[in-house]
């Protein structure tokens, strides 16, 4: 029934117990005036009221800061802090430094949450867990800033799954090699959303978002946390609404992507080794490394929006060929992964760059169509 056979099923709870806990809601804000009110309102309209809302303005140049201050004047649970633009990692880390909650959740300023999200976190039977994992709401193509925020869903019985000990390895693997958690679920192991982190775990191990990573910092944070978390409960409730319009592929080209992803895969490997877990997840890591490499080729080198010349792109391919981790990873190419990736990596390995370029362009157009 489920993708993983090592899940332990909890009995359905008829009698719901809750205790008074504080929840810290951290929202980094950068030029989000179009959607910001919807996001903040979704938190303020929560059925659970014992929370603090930290709005971290990261140097916005639009009206975002004014909107934050207006809300602060109306609700004492809101704290507004403004800093010069330093990126989302710095904003979240600032929130982590000053928050006071027992549990911490992250929301992006152009997303919003369901009214029952915070209340679900407070169930008594979840409090001995280190992480609470939820579902995302199914994507909607017609989402807009004026959409009505869903009312709290009254759920007396929730069929949950719990993980502890070696079962946690299955969750860590899903960070490196994304797979569905259940047949009907909609989880994302590489983002910090739709989940609750225990502040005591974050503080005990000084877990923070990497400021040297601009894409993939969420994956690194989740990996660091889950390597230390001893238990998790999965609650199959869609509590987080993701704005599908945010990450348009046609506007995502970053000329430094290849450098970022080289740093990212090194930091992932360092983290696994630091926690004495690399040998356990070696195959998963190199599968992730191959995914990392193909992403760089498609979005960072042969992207149709690249301003580099073809000769400059070939020079970058040569640098990737020389990378030690990538050289190790290609040996795992035919052991796992989807067929298109295996084909792309094969042509890259034999340095048939015209074929690599063609496959990347086709893949890019396919991804654009699929996301739009």
Protein backbone atom coordinates (compact mmCIF):
# COMPACT_ATOMS: atom_id res chain seq x y z
CA UNK A 1 0.00 0.00 0.00
CA UNK A 2 2.80 2.36 0.88
CA UNK A 3 6.06 3.10 -0.92
CA UNK A 4 8.05 2.26 2.22
CA UNK A 5 7.48 -1.09 3.99
CA UNK A 6 9.02 -0.06 7.31
CA UNK A 7 6.34 2.37 8.38
CA UNK A 8 4.69 1.78 11.74
CA UNK A 9 0.97 2.62 11.72
CA UNK A 10 -0.60 4.34 14.70
CA UNK A 11 -4.14 3.60 15.75
CA UNK A 12 -6.76 6.20 14.85
CA UNK A 13 -7.27 8.55 17.79
CA UNK A 14 -10.81 9.10 18.92
CA UNK A 15 -10.02 11.29 21.87
CA UNK A 16 -7.89 14.28 20.88
CA UNK A 17 -5.72 15.78 23.59
CA UNK A 18 -3.90 19.07 23.22
CA UNK A 19 -1.57 20.97 25.48
CA UNK A 20 -0.67 24.62 25.56
CA UNK A 21 2.48 25.14 23.55
CA UNK A 22 4.02 28.10 21.79
CA UNK A 23 4.52 27.94 18.04
CA UNK A 24 6.95 30.25 16.26
CA UNK A 25 5.98 31.15 12.69
CA UNK A 26 8.92 32.56 10.70
CA UNK A 27 8.22 34.38 7.44
CA UNK A 28 11.11 35.94 5.46
CA UNK A 29 9.79 38.89 3.48
CA UNK A 30 11.32 40.33 0.33
CA UNK A 31 9.30 42.42 -2.16
CA UNK A 32 6.16 40.42 -1.49
CA UNK A 33 3.52 43.16 -1.39
CA UNK A 34 1.25 41.35 -3.86
CA UNK A 35 0.74 38.24 -1.71
CA UNK A 36 1.92 39.25 1.75
CA UNK A 37 -1.47 40.12 3.26
CA UNK A 38 -2.91 36.77 2.21
CA UNK A 39 0.02 34.99 3.85
CA UNK A 40 -0.22 36.91 7.14
CA UNK A 41 -4.01 36.60 7.27
CA UNK A 42 -3.77 32.85 6.92
CA UNK A 43 -1.67 32.74 10.10
CA UNK A 44 -3.83 35.19 12.05
CA UNK A 45 -6.96 33.25 11.08
CA UNK A 46 -5.58 30.02 12.53
CA UNK A 47 -7.84 28.11 14.90
CA UNK A 48 -4.91 27.87 17.35
CA UNK A 49 -3.95 31.25 18.79
CA UNK A 50 -0.87 30.73 21.00
CA UNK A 51 1.81 31.63 18.48
CA UNK A 52 4.32 34.32 17.65
CA UNK A 53 4.62 35.57 14.09
CA UNK A 54 8.09 36.78 13.11
CA UNK A 55 8.14 38.86 9.93
CA UNK A 56 11.76 39.26 8.82
CA UNK A 57 11.96 42.01 6.20
CA UNK A 58 15.03 41.30 4.08
CA UNK A 59 15.61 44.73 2.57
CA UNK A 60 12.37 44.98 0.57
CA UNK A 61 12.15 47.92 -1.83
CA UNK A 62 8.37 47.81 -2.30
CA UNK A 63 5.60 48.31 0.29
CA UNK A 64 6.24 45.03 2.13
CA UNK A 65 7.72 46.64 5.24
CA UNK A 66 4.79 49.05 5.55
CA UNK A 67 2.36 46.13 5.31
CA UNK A 68 4.27 44.27 8.03
CA UNK A 69 4.18 47.30 10.33
CA UNK A 70 0.45 47.79 9.78
CA UNK A 71 -0.21 44.23 10.88
CA UNK A 72 2.12 44.61 13.87
CA UNK A 73 0.12 47.61 15.06
CA UNK A 74 -3.02 45.48 15.01
CA UNK A 75 -1.75 42.28 16.67
CA UNK A 76 0.70 41.99 19.58
CA UNK A 77 1.74 38.48 18.53
CA UNK A 78 3.57 39.93 15.54
CA UNK A 79 7.23 40.96 15.62
CA UNK A 80 8.72 42.84 12.68
CA UNK A 81 12.47 42.96 12.14
CA UNK A 82 14.09 44.66 9.19
CA UNK A 83 17.60 44.04 7.87
CA UNK A 84 19.56 44.89 4.76
CA UNK A 85 19.07 42.42 1.95
CA UNK A 86 21.12 39.35 2.83
CA UNK A 87 19.04 36.53 1.37
CA UNK A 88 16.43 34.12 2.63
CA UNK A 89 18.89 32.04 4.67
CA UNK A 90 20.03 35.04 6.69
CA UNK A 91 16.40 36.07 7.26
CA UNK A 92 15.38 32.63 8.49
CA UNK A 93 18.48 32.38 10.68
CA UNK A 94 17.59 35.69 12.30
CA UNK A 95 14.14 34.32 13.04
CA UNK A 96 15.69 31.18 14.54
CA UNK A 97 17.92 33.30 16.76
CA UNK A 98 15.09 35.25 18.38
CA UNK A 99 12.13 32.84 18.31
CA UNK A 100 10.70 31.48 21.56
CA UNK A 101 8.39 28.69 20.45
CA UNK A 102 8.43 25.00 21.31
CA UNK A 103 7.78 24.29 17.64
CA UNK A 104 8.93 26.25 14.59
CA UNK A 105 7.34 26.46 11.16
CA UNK A 106 8.49 28.36 8.07
CA UNK A 107 6.24 30.01 5.51
CA UNK A 108 7.23 31.86 2.37
CA UNK A 109 5.56 35.23 2.02
CA UNK A 110 3.74 34.37 -1.21
CA UNK A 111 2.33 31.11 0.15
CA UNK A 112 -0.31 30.53 2.81
CA UNK A 113 -1.43 27.90 5.31
CA UNK A 114 -4.68 26.21 6.21
CA UNK A 115 -6.51 27.26 9.34
CA UNK A 116 -5.92 23.95 11.11
CA UNK A 117 -2.13 23.73 10.56
CA UNK A 118 -1.06 25.17 13.91
CA UNK A 119 -3.75 23.35 15.86
CA UNK A 120 -2.69 20.00 14.44
CA UNK A 121 0.84 20.60 15.73
CA UNK A 122 -0.45 20.89 19.31
CA UNK A 123 -1.90 17.39 19.60
CA UNK A 124 -0.59 15.76 22.73
CA UNK A 125 0.40 12.49 21.04
CA UNK A 126 2.84 14.37 18.76
CA UNK A 127 4.79 16.15 21.47
CA UNK A 128 7.35 13.39 22.05
CA UNK A 129 8.35 13.48 18.38
CA UNK A 130 11.19 15.56 16.95
CA UNK A 131 9.41 16.45 13.71
CA UNK A 132 5.83 16.64 12.43
CA UNK A 133 5.46 16.20 8.68
CA UNK A 134 2.36 17.27 6.74
CA UNK A 135 1.14 17.35 3.14
CA UNK A 136 1.06 20.19 0.66
CA UNK A 137 -2.27 21.13 -0.82
CA UNK A 138 -2.62 19.94 -4.41
CA UNK A 139 -1.46 22.59 -6.92
CA UNK A 140 -4.01 24.95 -8.40
CA UNK A 141 -3.40 26.67 -11.71
CA UNK A 142 -5.77 29.58 -11.03
CA UNK A 143 -4.26 30.71 -7.74
CA UNK A 144 -4.23 34.47 -7.14
CA UNK A 145 -3.58 36.93 -4.35
CA UNK A 146 -7.30 37.39 -3.76
CA UNK A 147 -8.10 33.72 -3.24
CA UNK A 148 -10.09 32.96 -0.12
CA UNK A 149 -8.09 31.26 2.60
CA UNK A 150 -9.51 27.81 3.34
CA UNK A 151 -11.35 27.43 6.64
CA UNK A 152 -10.00 25.00 9.26
CA UNK A 153 -10.84 21.40 8.48
CA UNK A 154 -12.48 19.64 11.40
CA UNK A 155 -10.79 16.24 11.58
CA UNK A 156 -11.52 14.15 14.64
CA UNK A 157 -9.68 11.09 13.34
CA UNK A 158 -6.34 11.25 11.58
CA UNK A 159 -4.55 8.16 10.34
CA UNK A 160 -0.88 8.90 11.03
CA UNK A 161 2.44 7.17 10.47
CA UNK A 162 5.35 7.33 12.85
CA UNK A 163 9.08 6.81 12.29
CA UNK A 164 11.83 6.19 14.80
CA UNK A 165 15.25 4.61 14.93
CA UNK A 166 16.28 3.05 11.62
CA UNK A 167 12.92 3.97 10.10
CA UNK A 168 14.21 7.57 10.00
CA UNK A 169 16.69 6.44 7.33
CA UNK A 170 13.81 6.19 4.87
CA UNK A 171 13.05 9.89 5.39
CA UNK A 172 16.70 10.86 4.95
CA UNK A 173 16.89 8.89 1.70
CA UNK A 174 13.94 10.83 0.38
CA UNK A 175 15.90 14.05 0.75
CA UNK A 176 18.64 12.69 -1.50
CA UNK A 177 16.41 10.70 -3.85
CA UNK A 178 12.86 12.12 -3.82
CA UNK A 179 10.15 9.46 -3.72
CA UNK A 180 6.49 9.61 -2.67
CA UNK A 181 5.96 8.87 0.99
CA UNK A 182 2.57 7.26 0.39
CA UNK A 183 0.48 6.58 -2.68
CA UNK A 184 -1.95 9.41 -2.00
CA UNK A 185 0.27 11.83 -0.08
CA UNK A 186 1.86 15.04 -1.31
CA UNK A 187 5.02 15.64 0.69
CA UNK A 188 8.28 17.40 -0.14
CA UNK A 189 11.38 16.41 1.78
CA UNK A 190 13.61 19.12 0.33
CA UNK A 191 11.66 22.15 1.55
CA UNK A 192 11.20 23.44 5.13
CA UNK A 193 7.47 24.04 4.61
CA UNK A 194 4.52 21.87 5.66
CA UNK A 195 6.43 20.57 8.66
CA UNK A 196 7.12 21.54 12.26
CA UNK A 197 10.62 21.53 13.73
CA UNK A 198 11.36 21.26 17.44
CA UNK A 199 13.31 24.28 18.58
CA UNK A 200 15.14 22.20 21.21
CA UNK A 201 16.68 20.03 18.46
CA UNK A 202 17.67 23.05 16.37
CA UNK A 203 19.33 24.72 19.34
CA UNK A 204 20.98 21.57 20.69
CA UNK A 205 22.82 20.99 17.40
CA UNK A 206 23.09 24.64 16.27
CA UNK A 207 21.32 23.89 12.96
CA UNK A 208 21.07 26.87 10.62
CA UNK A 209 20.54 27.63 6.94
CA UNK A 210 23.75 27.90 4.92
CA UNK A 211 24.35 31.45 3.71
CA UNK A 212 26.88 30.26 1.11
CA UNK A 213 24.16 28.33 -0.75
CA UNK A 214 21.58 30.33 -2.69
CA UNK A 215 19.73 27.37 -4.25
CA UNK A 216 19.38 24.16 -2.27
CA UNK A 217 19.80 25.65 1.21
CA UNK A 218 16.48 24.09 2.23
CA UNK A 219 17.70 20.60 1.34
CA UNK A 220 20.84 21.12 3.41
CA UNK A 221 18.89 22.37 6.43
CA UNK A 222 16.42 19.46 6.30
CA UNK A 223 19.25 16.96 5.97
CA UNK A 224 21.09 18.44 8.96
CA UNK A 225 17.91 18.32 11.02
CA UNK A 226 16.78 14.84 10.05
CA UNK A 227 20.22 13.37 10.69
CA UNK A 228 19.76 14.49 14.31
CA UNK A 229 16.02 13.93 14.74
CA UNK A 230 15.17 10.70 16.51
CA UNK A 231 11.52 10.44 15.53
CA UNK A 232 8.88 11.85 13.23
CA UNK A 233 5.12 11.62 12.79
CA UNK A 234 3.53 12.02 9.37
CA UNK A 235 0.09 13.64 9.41
CA UNK A 236 -1.55 13.26 5.97
CA UNK A 237 -3.32 16.60 6.06
CA UNK A 238 -2.82 19.26 3.31
CA UNK A 239 -1.88 22.30 5.37
CA UNK A 240 0.41 24.33 3.10
CA UNK A 241 -0.61 26.12 -0.10
CA UNK A 242 2.29 26.70 -2.46
CA UNK A 243 2.19 29.46 -5.06
CA UNK A 244 2.81 27.69 -8.34
CA UNK A 245 3.60 30.95 -10.15
CA UNK A 246 6.69 31.79 -8.13
CA UNK A 247 9.40 29.70 -9.75
CA UNK A 248 8.80 30.23 -13.43
CA UNK A 249 11.57 28.37 -15.28
CA UNK A 250 11.74 31.13 -17.89
CA UNK A 251 13.06 33.53 -15.25
CA UNK A 252 15.25 31.14 -13.26
CA UNK A 253 18.60 31.36 -15.05
CA UNK A 254 21.49 32.04 -12.70
CA UNK A 255 25.01 32.26 -14.18
CA UNK A 256 26.48 31.12 -10.85
CA UNK A 257 24.29 28.04 -10.58
CA UNK A 258 27.09 25.64 -11.42
CA UNK A 259 29.33 27.07 -8.67
CA UNK A 260 26.47 26.98 -6.17
CA UNK A 261 25.70 23.33 -6.87
CA UNK A 262 29.34 22.29 -6.63
CA UNK A 263 29.39 23.85 -3.15
CA UNK A 264 26.06 22.29 -2.29
CA UNK A 265 27.06 18.72 -3.10
CA UNK A 266 30.30 19.16 -1.14
CA UNK A 267 28.40 20.44 1.89
CA UNK A 268 25.94 17.55 1.65
CA UNK A 269 28.80 15.06 1.57
CA UNK A 270 30.58 16.82 4.45
CA UNK A 271 27.41 16.70 6.52
CA UNK A 272 26.87 13.00 5.90
CA UNK A 273 30.49 12.24 6.82
CA UNK A 274 30.32 14.46 9.90
CA UNK A 275 27.34 12.42 11.13
CA UNK A 276 29.07 9.12 10.21
CA UNK A 277 26.28 8.40 7.74
CA UNK A 278 28.01 8.59 4.35
CA UNK A 279 28.59 4.85 3.96
CA UNK A 280 24.93 4.21 4.78
CA UNK A 281 23.68 6.63 2.12
CA UNK A 282 26.55 6.39 -0.38
CA UNK A 283 24.45 5.12 -3.31
CA UNK A 284 21.73 7.69 -2.57
CA UNK A 285 24.30 10.46 -2.35
CA UNK A 286 25.82 9.73 -5.75
CA UNK A 287 22.35 9.45 -7.26
CA UNK A 288 21.69 12.91 -5.83
CA UNK A 289 25.02 14.10 -7.25
CA UNK A 290 24.00 12.94 -10.74
CA UNK A 291 20.70 14.74 -10.36
CA UNK A 292 22.65 17.79 -9.24
CA UNK A 293 24.88 17.59 -12.34
CA UNK A 294 22.01 17.21 -14.81
CA UNK A 295 20.22 20.16 -13.21
CA UNK A 296 23.33 22.28 -13.71
CA UNK A 297 23.62 21.19 -17.34
CA UNK A 298 19.96 21.91 -18.12
CA UNK A 299 19.42 25.11 -16.11
CA UNK A 300 22.90 26.50 -15.59
CA UNK A 301 24.98 25.76 -18.67
CA UNK A 302 22.82 24.96 -21.70
CA UNK A 303 19.81 26.98 -20.61
CA UNK A 304 18.28 28.90 -23.57
CA UNK A 305 18.43 31.99 -21.35
CA UNK A 306 22.18 31.76 -20.85
CA UNK A 307 24.18 34.76 -22.04
CA UNK A 308 27.37 32.72 -22.45
CA UNK A 309 28.76 31.56 -25.78
CA UNK A 310 28.79 27.90 -26.77
CA UNK A 311 32.57 27.85 -26.33
CA UNK A 312 32.19 29.23 -22.79
CA UNK A 313 29.62 26.54 -22.04
CA UNK A 314 32.07 23.88 -23.19
CA UNK A 315 34.67 25.35 -20.86
CA UNK A 316 32.25 24.96 -17.93
CA UNK A 317 31.59 21.37 -18.97
CA UNK A 318 35.32 20.77 -18.76
CA UNK A 319 35.33 22.10 -15.18
CA UNK A 320 32.49 19.73 -14.28
CA UNK A 321 34.41 16.85 -15.85
CA UNK A 322 37.33 17.62 -13.55
CA UNK A 323 35.24 17.68 -10.37
CA UNK A 324 36.16 14.73 -8.17
CA UNK A 325 32.63 14.06 -6.90
CA UNK A 326 31.12 14.12 -10.38
CA UNK A 327 33.82 11.73 -11.62
CA UNK A 328 32.87 9.33 -8.85
CA UNK A 329 29.15 9.81 -9.44
CA UNK A 330 29.17 8.84 -13.13
CA UNK A 331 30.20 5.32 -12.10
CA UNK A 332 26.75 5.01 -10.50
CA UNK A 333 24.92 6.26 -13.58
CA UNK A 334 23.36 2.97 -14.70
CA UNK A 335 22.63 1.76 -11.17
CA UNK A 336 19.71 4.09 -10.51
CA UNK A 337 17.79 7.06 -11.82
CA UNK A 338 15.45 7.58 -14.75
CA UNK A 339 16.40 6.70 -18.33
CA UNK A 340 16.62 10.31 -19.68
CA UNK A 341 19.11 11.16 -16.96
CA UNK A 342 21.17 8.06 -17.72
CA UNK A 343 21.30 9.04 -21.39
CA UNK A 344 22.28 12.64 -20.66
CA UNK A 345 25.01 11.60 -18.22
CA UNK A 346 26.33 9.01 -20.70
CA UNK A 347 26.79 11.59 -23.47
CA UNK A 348 28.34 14.00 -20.95
CA UNK A 349 30.74 11.31 -19.78
CA UNK A 350 31.99 10.62 -23.33
CA UNK A 351 32.17 14.38 -23.98
CA UNK A 352 29.64 14.36 -26.81
CA UNK A 353 28.60 17.92 -26.01
CA UNK A 354 26.39 18.56 -29.08
CA UNK A 355 24.18 15.68 -27.92
CA UNK A 356 24.30 16.99 -24.34
CA UNK A 357 23.24 20.44 -25.51
CA UNK A 358 20.37 19.02 -27.59
CA UNK A 359 19.07 16.85 -24.73
CA UNK A 360 19.30 19.77 -22.31
CA UNK A 361 17.30 22.07 -24.60
CA UNK A 362 14.61 19.42 -25.12
CA UNK A 363 14.47 18.74 -21.39
CA UNK A 364 14.19 22.44 -20.63
CA UNK A 365 11.23 22.89 -22.97
CA UNK A 366 9.56 19.80 -21.54
CA UNK A 367 9.96 21.08 -17.98
CA UNK A 368 8.56 24.47 -18.94
CA UNK A 369 5.47 22.87 -20.46
CA UNK A 370 4.98 20.59 -17.48
CA UNK A 371 5.22 23.42 -14.95
CA UNK A 372 3.00 25.75 -16.91
